[in-house]
């Protein structure tokens, strides 16, 4: 007979990658007891992702872990996040994108936090430590998901302890699959991935190369695209201790690499003969897929379990963490009786629209790789080679600019057709992958501003809903709004900053901002039916 664990977990999360840890942190900050179950013995196996985008770090600021993230940066915050296109590391320069992904630590009025170049395993360790520091959050490693059953009151999930080979059952209100591309939770709820498979085959090789940074003439950067016909590839520093990554971008069917062959490929692509040590290699296939559903009853999917796309642009971890933030505040609101069950219906509605937008951008980035940019004569000496390199360099600047200057994607996504967003009749700003236009149009990320004391506007938002008031709003309305929020069962912080610049930025006297810093409603008159507005944005009635 299986043992049923008596511990009180309101939410069980399968997978301790960035999406699973983000959900645990969001729930932990909202006092929801949760359990993360991971079949591996620790976090930090994946060497692929290296970009933590601006929007991701804005939420990490809200969680209070940006200093820990900075301390974990192996290359240092001042290391230039430049992306360079070269024929080879020992070859000719072609094009350069400075401050790619907005990693510069200098303050920018558009956002509260800069991006960061950091290996995924280092980020996961920071997130794990923070998650485990929160009351009510537990992580169990060496624990394998087996199956689940659900009814109207909860979910019973069966697990196997890998160390003891014993099985047990856990009960919870909700179960979330953050278990990656091969999600067993996705299969269990009958969700099907739709889209295009097999866009390309790829190898990700991690290697140690003492002296490589000094052996080429192009200067420090986070990524070098090697454009040549022999071994086109991406290469760049991964971590301290001379650890680098290498990814060939033109592989024939069935091509694999032994360690010796990987070393030969690195030497061929770079033109630099050093003592390379292969640390790991990982073959993978690029797909463009989105699940046809993200939920069955009390069971949800988040992160790679419900969307897969090319890695070009660094959007995978960005999407997964933001999925979990959206789902996390909504589950917490329901369990804390601060929001209606309708909130849970909006998770797929809101995130699916974002997934389609971002996946399309990632696919567009994938369509132009280093092998496709090579031309005859690119590595020739003299005037002929100079002319070819000039033409290719200009093409790179046009075709790849959106991949490395993607603020329009990272900050410009919005929830256009969500039933818990109340439009005001204003038009959304145009979307461009490289251009972010701040807008307080309902559904958009709340525009950012720095305050006179050096704090971020976001630092003043409440943990739940925030009502941002313009300078000219009658103070008597503050008491009215608070009483109506109590009537609606909504936790509301009323914020009046007496800052004309923010009034101009938000273009309204009243702006309701959600826990995830998206605008839910705005207007120049506090509505007579304010209770109904509050009920709708909190998922009680719509």
Protein backbone atom coordinates (compact mmCIF):
# COMPACT_ATOMS: atom_id res chain seq x y z
CA UNK A 1 0.00 0.00 0.00
CA UNK A 2 1.34 3.39 -0.99
CA UNK A 3 2.05 5.97 1.66
CA UNK A 4 0.20 9.28 1.37
CA UNK A 5 2.32 12.22 2.48
CA UNK A 6 0.44 14.27 5.06
CA UNK A 7 2.34 17.51 4.41
CA UNK A 8 0.17 20.39 3.23
CA UNK A 9 1.24 21.47 -0.23
CA UNK A 10 -1.23 23.69 -2.05
CA UNK A 11 0.69 23.42 -5.34
CA UNK A 12 3.05 20.73 -6.64
CA UNK A 13 5.49 21.70 -9.39
CA UNK A 14 7.22 19.10 -11.55
CA UNK A 15 10.66 20.33 -12.60
CA UNK A 16 13.26 22.56 -10.94
CA UNK A 17 14.42 24.47 -14.01
CA UNK A 18 13.91 28.24 -14.34
CA UNK A 19 10.15 27.95 -14.96
CA UNK A 20 9.57 25.63 -11.99
CA UNK A 21 11.73 27.69 -9.65
CA UNK A 22 10.06 30.94 -10.78
CA UNK A 23 6.64 29.51 -9.97
CA UNK A 24 7.83 28.35 -6.55
CA UNK A 25 9.27 31.81 -5.82
CA UNK A 26 6.12 33.60 -6.95
CA UNK A 27 3.97 31.33 -4.81
CA UNK A 28 6.38 31.53 -1.87
CA UNK A 29 6.29 35.32 -1.90
CA UNK A 30 2.49 35.07 -1.75
CA UNK A 31 2.48 32.62 1.19
CA UNK A 32 1.32 29.60 -0.78
CA UNK A 33 2.95 26.34 0.43
CA UNK A 34 4.35 24.52 -2.56
CA UNK A 35 6.62 21.62 -3.46
CA UNK A 36 9.05 21.43 -6.39
CA UNK A 37 9.86 17.86 -7.44
CA UNK A 38 12.99 17.26 -9.53
CA UNK A 39 14.18 13.88 -10.80
CA UNK A 40 17.84 14.98 -10.94
CA UNK A 41 20.05 15.30 -7.87
CA UNK A 42 20.47 19.08 -8.17
CA UNK A 43 19.72 22.13 -10.30
CA UNK A 44 22.22 23.39 -12.82
CA UNK A 45 22.66 20.76 -15.51
CA UNK A 46 21.72 22.81 -18.56
CA UNK A 47 24.59 24.79 -20.15
CA UNK A 48 22.58 26.31 -23.01
CA UNK A 49 20.82 29.53 -21.96
CA UNK A 50 22.99 32.53 -21.19
CA UNK A 51 20.71 35.56 -21.63
CA UNK A 52 18.58 36.85 -18.76
CA UNK A 53 16.51 39.60 -20.35
CA UNK A 54 15.55 43.02 -18.97
CA UNK A 55 11.97 41.98 -18.19
CA UNK A 56 13.08 38.83 -16.39
CA UNK A 57 15.41 40.80 -14.15
CA UNK A 58 12.67 43.35 -13.41
CA UNK A 59 10.75 40.55 -11.76
CA UNK A 60 13.91 39.41 -9.99
CA UNK A 61 14.14 42.94 -8.61
CA UNK A 62 10.59 42.48 -7.29
CA UNK A 63 11.74 39.22 -5.65
CA UNK A 64 14.80 40.94 -4.19
CA UNK A 65 17.50 38.79 -5.81
CA UNK A 66 19.16 41.08 -8.36
CA UNK A 67 22.21 41.63 -6.15
CA UNK A 68 22.70 37.88 -5.88
CA UNK A 69 22.34 37.62 -9.64
CA UNK A 70 25.00 40.27 -10.16
CA UNK A 71 27.36 38.54 -7.74
CA UNK A 72 26.94 35.27 -9.69
CA UNK A 73 27.97 36.85 -13.00
CA UNK A 74 31.14 34.97 -14.03
CA UNK A 75 32.35 37.60 -16.49
CA UNK A 76 31.40 40.64 -14.40
CA UNK A 77 28.70 43.23 -15.07
CA UNK A 78 31.10 45.59 -16.86
CA UNK A 79 32.10 42.93 -19.37
CA UNK A 80 30.83 44.17 -22.77
CA UNK A 81 27.82 42.30 -24.09
CA UNK A 82 28.95 42.85 -27.66
CA UNK A 83 28.10 40.36 -30.39
CA UNK A 84 30.60 40.25 -33.24
CA UNK A 85 30.38 38.71 -36.68
CA UNK A 86 33.78 37.60 -37.98
CA UNK A 87 34.99 35.24 -40.67
CA UNK A 88 36.86 33.32 -37.96
CA UNK A 89 38.25 34.25 -34.58
CA UNK A 90 41.63 34.72 -36.24
CA UNK A 91 40.01 36.28 -39.32
CA UNK A 92 38.33 39.45 -40.52
CA UNK A 93 35.68 41.48 -38.68
CA UNK A 94 32.33 41.86 -40.45
CA UNK A 95 29.85 43.56 -38.10
CA UNK A 96 29.42 44.39 -34.42
CA UNK A 97 26.35 44.84 -32.21
CA UNK A 98 27.28 46.73 -29.06
CA UNK A 99 25.40 46.32 -25.77
CA UNK A 100 23.42 43.42 -27.17
CA UNK A 101 20.33 42.49 -25.15
CA UNK A 102 20.74 45.74 -23.08
CA UNK A 103 23.18 44.23 -20.57
CA UNK A 104 24.90 47.53 -19.73
CA UNK A 105 24.40 48.29 -16.00
CA UNK A 106 23.89 52.00 -16.72
CA UNK A 107 20.41 53.22 -15.79
CA UNK A 108 17.90 53.43 -18.62
CA UNK A 109 14.57 55.27 -18.23
CA UNK A 110 12.74 52.51 -20.10
CA UNK A 111 13.36 49.74 -17.59
CA UNK A 112 14.17 49.05 -13.96
CA UNK A 113 16.86 46.41 -14.53
CA UNK A 114 19.44 45.75 -17.22
CA UNK A 115 19.79 42.33 -18.82
CA UNK A 116 22.56 39.96 -17.81
CA UNK A 117 24.81 37.43 -19.54
CA UNK A 118 24.98 34.51 -17.12
CA UNK A 119 24.97 30.71 -17.59
CA UNK A 120 21.62 29.10 -16.88
CA UNK A 121 23.11 26.83 -14.23
CA UNK A 122 24.37 29.86 -12.30
CA UNK A 123 20.98 31.55 -12.51
CA UNK A 124 19.23 28.37 -11.38
CA UNK A 125 21.44 28.16 -8.31
CA UNK A 126 20.54 31.74 -7.30
CA UNK A 127 16.85 30.98 -7.81
CA UNK A 128 17.07 27.69 -5.90
CA UNK A 129 18.66 29.32 -2.88
CA UNK A 130 16.04 32.05 -2.84
CA UNK A 131 13.17 29.60 -3.29
CA UNK A 132 14.37 27.45 -0.40
CA UNK A 133 14.71 30.53 1.81
CA UNK A 134 10.98 31.22 1.53
CA UNK A 135 8.61 29.77 4.17
CA UNK A 136 6.43 27.06 2.68
CA UNK A 137 8.64 26.29 -0.33
CA UNK A 138 10.21 22.83 -0.47
CA UNK A 139 12.34 21.23 -3.19
CA UNK A 140 12.79 17.47 -3.38
CA UNK A 141 15.54 16.15 -5.64
CA UNK A 142 15.92 12.56 -6.86
CA UNK A 143 12.16 12.30 -7.01
CA UNK A 144 10.35 11.09 -10.12
CA UNK A 145 6.78 11.89 -11.18
CA UNK A 146 4.75 8.78 -12.09
CA UNK A 147 1.09 9.69 -12.52
CA UNK A 148 -1.79 11.78 -11.18
CA UNK A 149 -5.53 11.69 -10.60
CA UNK A 150 -7.67 14.76 -10.09
CA UNK A 151 -11.20 15.63 -9.03
CA UNK A 152 -13.11 18.79 -8.17
CA UNK A 153 -11.29 19.26 -4.87
CA UNK A 154 -7.66 18.52 -5.74
CA UNK A 155 -4.94 16.43 -7.38
CA UNK A 156 -3.33 13.22 -6.09
CA UNK A 157 0.10 12.64 -7.62
CA UNK A 158 2.21 9.50 -7.42
CA UNK A 159 6.00 9.75 -7.15
CA UNK A 160 9.01 7.48 -6.81
CA UNK A 161 11.91 8.29 -4.53
CA UNK A 162 14.87 7.36 -6.73
CA UNK A 163 17.27 6.77 -3.83
CA UNK A 164 15.01 4.37 -1.92
CA UNK A 165 12.99 3.13 -4.93
CA UNK A 166 9.83 3.67 -2.88
CA UNK A 167 6.58 5.11 -4.18
CA UNK A 168 4.31 7.60 -2.42
CA UNK A 169 1.34 9.88 -3.09
CA UNK A 170 1.08 13.62 -2.52
CA UNK A 171 -2.12 15.66 -2.46
CA UNK A 172 -2.43 19.30 -3.52
CA UNK A 173 -4.88 21.83 -4.89
CA UNK A 174 -3.01 22.20 -8.17
CA UNK A 175 -0.31 20.40 -10.17
CA UNK A 176 1.97 22.24 -12.62
CA UNK A 177 4.17 20.64 -15.25
CA UNK A 178 7.38 22.63 -15.62
CA UNK A 179 9.09 19.50 -16.86
CA UNK A 180 10.51 20.73 -20.13
CA UNK A 181 10.43 19.73 -23.78
CA UNK A 182 9.69 16.06 -23.06
CA UNK A 183 6.97 16.89 -20.54
CA UNK A 184 5.18 13.87 -19.11
CA UNK A 185 2.54 16.14 -17.62
CA UNK A 186 1.78 17.45 -21.11
CA UNK A 187 1.28 13.89 -22.32
CA UNK A 188 -0.86 13.06 -19.30
CA UNK A 189 -3.35 15.88 -19.99
CA UNK A 190 -3.50 15.03 -23.70
CA UNK A 191 -1.96 18.29 -24.91
CA UNK A 192 -0.42 18.13 -28.39
CA UNK A 193 2.42 20.29 -29.68
CA UNK A 194 1.46 21.99 -32.95
CA UNK A 195 3.80 23.67 -35.40
CA UNK A 196 6.93 22.75 -37.32
CA UNK A 197 9.46 20.15 -36.22
CA UNK A 198 13.05 19.67 -37.29
CA UNK A 199 13.96 23.19 -38.38
CA UNK A 200 17.63 22.31 -37.89
CA UNK A 201 19.99 19.92 -36.09
CA UNK A 202 22.42 21.46 -33.63
CA UNK A 203 25.34 20.65 -31.40
CA UNK A 204 26.14 22.62 -28.27
CA UNK A 205 29.73 21.92 -27.20
CA UNK A 206 31.18 23.23 -23.94
CA UNK A 207 34.97 23.29 -23.83
CA UNK A 208 37.92 24.73 -21.95
CA UNK A 209 40.36 26.88 -23.92
CA UNK A 210 43.12 28.56 -21.89
CA UNK A 211 44.40 31.57 -23.81
CA UNK A 212 41.65 31.72 -26.44
CA UNK A 213 40.39 35.12 -25.28
CA UNK A 214 43.85 36.58 -25.86
CA UNK A 215 44.55 34.66 -29.07
CA UNK A 216 42.18 36.61 -31.32
CA UNK A 217 42.17 40.32 -32.29
CA UNK A 218 38.47 41.18 -31.97
CA UNK A 219 38.32 42.16 -28.31
CA UNK A 220 35.96 40.97 -25.57
CA UNK A 221 32.39 40.01 -26.38
CA UNK A 222 29.72 37.53 -25.37
CA UNK A 223 29.29 35.88 -28.76
CA UNK A 224 31.19 35.61 -32.02
CA UNK A 225 29.39 34.48 -35.15
CA UNK A 226 31.97 32.83 -37.41
CA UNK A 227 30.88 33.31 -41.00
CA UNK A 228 32.70 31.00 -43.38
CA UNK A 229 31.87 28.16 -45.73
CA UNK A 230 33.94 25.47 -43.95
CA UNK A 231 32.64 25.50 -40.38
CA UNK A 232 30.12 28.31 -39.77
CA UNK A 233 29.34 28.54 -36.08
CA UNK A 234 28.72 30.49 -32.91
CA UNK A 235 31.39 30.66 -30.22
CA UNK A 236 31.82 32.64 -27.02
CA UNK A 237 32.86 32.71 -23.36
CA UNK A 238 30.54 30.71 -21.11
CA UNK A 239 32.03 30.98 -17.65
CA UNK A 240 35.22 31.69 -15.74
CA UNK A 241 38.20 29.31 -15.92
CA UNK A 242 38.38 29.66 -19.73
CA UNK A 243 35.09 27.84 -20.30
CA UNK A 244 33.56 28.50 -23.75
CA UNK A 245 30.62 27.32 -25.85
CA UNK A 246 30.73 26.31 -29.51
CA UNK A 247 27.75 25.66 -31.78
CA UNK A 248 28.18 24.66 -35.44
CA UNK A 249 25.27 26.03 -37.46
CA UNK A 250 25.48 23.89 -40.59
CA UNK A 251 25.32 20.17 -39.89
CA UNK A 252 24.55 17.49 -42.43
CA UNK A 253 22.09 14.70 -41.66
CA UNK A 254 23.59 12.16 -39.29
CA UNK A 255 26.73 14.20 -38.51
CA UNK A 256 27.97 13.65 -34.95
CA UNK A 257 31.14 14.64 -33.11
CA UNK A 258 33.54 12.60 -31.06
CA UNK A 259 35.65 14.69 -28.68
CA UNK A 260 38.53 14.60 -31.15
CA UNK A 261 36.26 15.66 -34.00
CA UNK A 262 34.82 18.47 -31.87
CA UNK A 263 38.34 19.77 -31.19
CA UNK A 264 39.10 19.61 -34.92
CA UNK A 265 35.89 21.54 -35.69
CA UNK A 266 36.79 24.27 -33.19
CA UNK A 267 40.27 24.61 -34.67
CA UNK A 268 38.88 24.74 -38.21
CA UNK A 269 36.22 27.31 -37.38
CA UNK A 270 38.49 29.61 -35.37
CA UNK A 271 41.75 29.17 -37.22
CA UNK A 272 43.44 29.05 -33.82
CA UNK A 273 45.39 25.97 -32.70
CA UNK A 274 45.24 25.60 -28.91
CA UNK A 275 44.89 22.77 -26.41
CA UNK A 276 41.10 22.50 -26.36
CA UNK A 277 39.43 20.28 -23.75
CA UNK A 278 35.89 19.10 -24.47
CA UNK A 279 33.74 19.20 -21.32
CA UNK A 280 30.33 18.23 -22.71
CA UNK A 281 28.38 18.01 -25.94
CA UNK A 282 24.66 18.04 -26.50
CA UNK A 283 22.84 17.26 -29.74
CA UNK A 284 19.41 18.83 -30.12
CA UNK A 285 16.83 19.69 -32.74
CA UNK A 286 15.26 23.09 -33.27
CA UNK A 287 11.45 23.03 -33.35
CA UNK A 288 8.74 25.66 -33.49
CA UNK A 289 5.87 24.21 -31.46
CA UNK A 290 3.10 25.44 -29.17
CA UNK A 291 0.78 23.18 -27.17
CA UNK A 292 -2.88 23.12 -28.17
CA UNK A 293 -3.82 23.46 -24.51
CA UNK A 294 -2.05 24.53 -21.32
CA UNK A 295 -4.50 23.12 -18.82
CA UNK A 296 -6.75 20.26 -17.86
CA UNK A 297 -8.81 21.03 -14.75
CA UNK A 298 -6.38 21.59 -11.89
CA UNK A 299 -3.29 20.67 -13.91
CA UNK A 300 -1.28 23.31 -15.84
CA UNK A 301 1.75 23.53 -18.11
CA UNK A 302 4.44 26.19 -18.03
CA UNK A 303 7.71 26.91 -19.85
CA UNK A 304 9.10 24.48 -22.43
CA UNK A 305 6.33 22.03 -21.55
CA UNK A 306 3.95 24.17 -23.64
CA UNK A 307 6.21 25.96 -26.16
CA UNK A 308 9.46 25.25 -28.02
CA UNK A 309 11.27 27.50 -30.46
CA UNK A 310 14.72 28.35 -31.85
CA UNK A 311 17.12 29.74 -29.23
CA UNK A 312 18.16 32.72 -31.35
CA UNK A 313 17.22 35.80 -29.37
CA UNK A 314 17.44 34.08 -25.99
CA UNK A 315 13.67 33.98 -25.46
CA UNK A 316 13.23 30.49 -23.99
CA UNK A 317 14.02 31.21 -20.34
CA UNK A 318 12.37 34.62 -20.69
CA UNK A 319 9.07 33.05 -21.74
CA UNK A 320 9.21 30.24 -19.18
CA UNK A 321 9.84 32.49 -16.19
CA UNK A 322 7.14 34.95 -17.25
CA UNK A 323 4.69 32.07 -17.79
CA UNK A 324 5.21 31.03 -14.20
CA UNK A 325 4.82 34.57 -12.90
CA UNK A 326 1.49 34.93 -14.70
CA UNK A 327 0.27 31.56 -13.45
CA UNK A 328 1.74 32.04 -9.98
CA UNK A 329 0.01 35.28 -9.01
CA UNK A 330 -3.28 33.97 -10.34
CA UNK A 331 -3.14 30.64 -8.46
CA UNK A 332 -2.10 32.52 -5.32
CA UNK A 333 -4.98 34.98 -5.67
CA UNK A 334 -7.47 32.11 -5.94
CA UNK A 335 -6.02 30.17 -3.00
CA UNK A 336 -5.74 33.31 -0.84
CA UNK A 337 -9.33 34.21 -1.75
CA UNK A 338 -8.18 37.47 -3.33
CA UNK A 339 -9.29 36.57 -6.83
CA UNK A 340 -11.92 34.54 -8.63
CA UNK A 341 -11.56 31.20 -10.38
CA UNK A 342 -11.88 33.09 -13.65
CA UNK A 343 -8.28 34.17 -13.23
CA UNK A 344 -7.11 30.64 -13.99
CA UNK A 345 -9.00 30.62 -17.30
CA UNK A 346 -7.01 33.66 -18.43
CA UNK A 347 -3.57 32.02 -18.07
CA UNK A 348 -3.69 30.27 -21.45
CA UNK A 349 -5.50 33.17 -23.12
CA UNK A 350 -2.84 35.67 -22.10
CA UNK A 351 0.29 33.59 -22.47
CA UNK A 352 -0.66 31.88 -25.74
CA UNK A 353 -0.86 35.23 -27.52
CA UNK A 354 2.59 36.15 -26.19
CA UNK A 355 4.00 32.76 -27.17
CA UNK A 356 2.83 33.16 -30.76
CA UNK A 357 4.39 36.62 -31.00
CA UNK A 358 7.75 35.69 -29.48
CA UNK A 359 8.05 32.30 -31.20
CA UNK A 360 7.53 34.03 -34.56
CA UNK A 361 10.40 36.38 -33.77
CA UNK A 362 12.66 33.48 -32.76
CA UNK A 363 11.84 31.65 -36.00
CA UNK A 364 12.64 34.79 -38.01
CA UNK A 365 16.01 35.01 -36.24
CA UNK A 366 16.71 31.36 -37.03
CA UNK A 367 16.17 31.89 -40.74
CA UNK A 368 19.49 33.70 -41.11
CA UNK A 369 22.45 31.81 -39.60
CA UNK A 370 26.17 32.20 -40.09
CA UNK A 371 26.42 29.60 -42.87
CA UNK A 372 23.79 31.41 -44.92
CA UNK A 373 25.74 34.68 -44.70
CA UNK A 374 28.96 33.33 -46.22
CA UNK A 375 29.80 34.35 -49.77
CA UNK A 376 32.54 33.46 -52.23
CA UNK A 377 35.59 35.63 -51.67
CA UNK A 378 34.68 36.51 -48.08
CA UNK A 379 38.08 35.45 -46.76
CA UNK A 380 40.15 36.70 -49.73
CA UNK A 381 42.86 39.24 -49.12
CA UNK A 382 42.94 42.63 -50.81
CA UNK A 383 40.28 44.81 -52.43
CA UNK A 384 38.11 41.97 -53.72
CA UNK A 385 37.79 40.48 -50.25
CA UNK A 386 37.24 43.93 -48.73
CA UNK A 387 34.30 44.57 -51.07
CA UNK A 388 32.68 41.22 -50.30
CA UNK A 389 33.14 41.73 -46.56
CA UNK A 390 31.60 45.20 -46.76
CA UNK A 391 28.52 43.83 -48.55
CA UNK A 392 28.14 40.94 -46.10
CA UNK A 393 28.66 43.28 -43.12
CA UNK A 394 25.85 45.57 -44.26
CA UNK A 395 23.56 42.57 -44.78
CA UNK A 396 24.32 41.36 -41.26
CA UNK A 397 23.45 44.75 -39.76
CA UNK A 398 20.07 44.67 -41.50
CA UNK A 399 19.17 41.00 -41.07
CA UNK A 400 20.41 40.37 -37.52
CA UNK A 401 19.82 43.70 -35.80
CA UNK A 402 16.45 42.66 -34.34
CA UNK A 403 17.96 39.57 -32.73
CA UNK A 404 20.38 41.50 -30.54
CA UNK A 405 18.32 44.65 -30.01
CA UNK A 406 15.02 43.08 -29.04
CA UNK A 407 13.59 45.49 -26.47
CA UNK A 408 10.39 45.71 -28.48
CA UNK A 409 9.85 41.98 -27.91
CA UNK A 410 11.08 41.84 -24.32
CA UNK A 411 9.04 44.84 -23.08
CA UNK A 412 6.51 45.36 -25.85
CA UNK A 413 4.47 42.15 -25.55
CA UNK A 414 0.93 42.75 -24.27
CA UNK A 415 -2.34 41.06 -23.37
CA UNK A 416 -4.74 42.32 -26.02
CA UNK A 417 -7.76 40.05 -25.64
CA UNK A 418 -7.73 39.09 -21.99
CA UNK A 419 -11.12 39.12 -20.24
CA UNK A 420 -9.49 40.60 -17.11
CA UNK A 421 -8.12 43.58 -19.05
CA UNK A 422 -10.59 46.45 -19.59
CA UNK A 423 -9.73 48.52 -22.65
CA UNK A 424 -10.14 52.28 -22.77
CA UNK A 425 -10.58 52.64 -26.53
CA UNK A 426 -6.99 53.73 -27.12
CA UNK A 427 -4.87 52.02 -29.76
CA UNK A 428 -1.92 49.84 -28.85
CA UNK A 429 1.44 51.22 -29.99
CA UNK A 430 2.92 49.57 -33.10
CA UNK A 431 5.09 46.54 -32.39
CA UNK A 432 8.64 46.33 -33.70
CA UNK A 433 11.16 43.81 -32.35
CA UNK A 434 13.85 46.47 -31.81
CA UNK A 435 11.73 49.45 -30.79
CA UNK A 436 9.89 49.62 -27.47
CA UNK A 437 7.23 52.33 -27.18
CA UNK A 438 6.10 52.82 -23.56
CA UNK A 439 2.33 52.75 -23.24
CA UNK A 440 -0.18 52.56 -20.39
CA UNK A 441 -2.82 51.20 -22.74
CA UNK A 442 -4.58 48.43 -20.76
CA UNK A 443 -2.81 45.12 -21.38
CA UNK A 444 0.65 46.66 -21.72
CA UNK A 445 3.48 46.52 -19.20
CA UNK A 446 3.18 49.58 -16.97
CA UNK A 447 5.61 52.26 -18.23
CA UNK A 448 8.72 52.61 -16.10
CA UNK A 449 10.26 55.74 -14.59
CA UNK A 450 13.07 56.56 -12.17
CA UNK A 451 12.12 58.61 -9.13
CA UNK A 452 14.07 61.58 -7.76
CA UNK A 453 15.40 59.48 -4.88
CA UNK A 454 16.89 56.95 -7.32
CA UNK A 455 14.21 54.32 -6.74
CA UNK A 456 12.20 52.74 -9.52
CA UNK A 457 8.51 53.48 -9.90
CA UNK A 458 8.04 49.73 -9.70
CA UNK A 459 9.53 49.72 -6.19
CA UNK A 460 6.45 51.66 -5.04
CA UNK A 461 3.84 49.29 -6.49
CA UNK A 462 2.00 46.99 -4.10
CA UNK A 463 2.35 43.22 -4.00
CA UNK A 464 -1.19 42.85 -5.29
CA UNK A 465 -3.12 45.49 -7.28
CA UNK A 466 -2.00 49.13 -7.34
CA UNK A 467 -4.12 52.19 -8.11
CA UNK A 468 -1.81 54.89 -9.46
CA UNK A 469 -3.34 58.36 -9.07
CA UNK A 470 -2.56 61.52 -11.01
CA UNK A 471 -1.47 64.74 -9.33
CA UNK A 472 -4.89 66.40 -9.60
CA UNK A 473 -6.99 63.58 -8.15
CA UNK A 474 -9.17 64.61 -5.18
CA UNK A 475 -7.81 62.97 -2.04
CA UNK A 476 -11.36 62.06 -0.97
CA UNK A 477 -11.42 59.52 -3.78
CA UNK A 478 -8.62 57.59 -2.09
CA UNK A 479 -10.85 56.53 0.80
CA UNK A 480 -13.66 55.67 -1.63
CA UNK A 481 -11.40 53.51 -3.80
CA UNK A 482 -10.05 51.65 -0.76
CA UNK A 483 -13.55 50.92 0.56
CA UNK A 484 -14.70 49.69 -2.85
CA UNK A 485 -11.67 47.41 -3.09
CA UNK A 486 -12.58 45.88 0.26
CA UNK A 487 -16.13 45.36 -0.98
CA UNK A 488 -14.80 43.62 -4.11
CA UNK A 489 -12.38 41.43 -2.11
CA UNK A 490 -9.36 42.97 -3.85
CA UNK A 491 -6.13 43.94 -2.07
CA UNK A 492 -5.35 47.41 -3.38
CA UNK A 493 -2.50 49.83 -2.72
CA UNK A 494 -3.37 53.43 -3.61
CA UNK A 495 -0.29 55.29 -4.85
CA UNK A 496 -0.18 59.07 -5.33
CA UNK A 497 3.27 60.39 -6.18
CA UNK A 498 2.54 64.01 -7.25
CA UNK A 499 4.89 63.64 -10.21
CA UNK A 500 3.78 65.43 -13.41
CA UNK A 501 6.20 63.35 -15.50
CA UNK A 502 4.42 60.15 -14.47
CA UNK A 503 1.04 61.76 -15.20
CA UNK A 504 2.27 62.41 -18.73
CA UNK A 505 3.67 58.89 -19.05
CA UNK A 506 0.42 57.22 -18.01
CA UNK A 507 -1.91 59.74 -19.71
CA UNK A 508 -4.70 59.15 -17.18
CA UNK A 509 -5.72 60.25 -13.68
CA UNK A 510 -6.45 56.66 -12.60
CA UNK A 511 -4.50 53.53 -13.56
CA UNK A 512 -5.08 50.06 -12.10
CA UNK A 513 -1.93 47.93 -12.24
CA UNK A 514 -1.87 44.17 -11.72
CA UNK A 515 0.55 42.22 -9.50
CA UNK A 516 2.63 41.40 -12.61
CA UNK A 517 3.02 45.13 -13.43
CA UNK A 518 0.62 45.11 -16.38
CA UNK A 519 -2.06 47.77 -16.74
CA UNK A 520 -5.53 46.35 -16.13
CA UNK A 521 -7.64 49.54 -16.52
CA UNK A 522 -7.19 53.29 -16.74
CA UNK A 523 -9.37 56.37 -17.02
CA UNK A 524 -9.64 60.06 -16.21
CA UNK A 525 -12.77 59.54 -14.10
CA UNK A 526 -13.14 57.05 -11.25
CA UNK A 527 -16.05 54.90 -12.48
CA UNK A 528 -19.41 54.82 -10.76
CA UNK A 529 -19.30 51.04 -11.17
CA UNK A 530 -15.81 50.78 -9.68
CA UNK A 531 -16.68 47.64 -7.72
CA UNK A 532 -17.59 45.88 -10.97
CA UNK A 533 -14.31 46.98 -12.55
CA UNK A 534 -12.38 45.59 -9.60
CA UNK A 535 -14.35 42.34 -9.68
CA UNK A 536 -13.58 41.91 -13.37
CA UNK A 537 -9.83 42.51 -13.21
CA UNK A 538 -9.61 40.14 -10.22
CA UNK A 539 -11.33 37.34 -12.13
CA UNK A 540 -14.56 37.28 -10.17
CA UNK A 541 -16.92 38.46 -12.90
CA UNK A 542 -16.43 38.93 -16.63
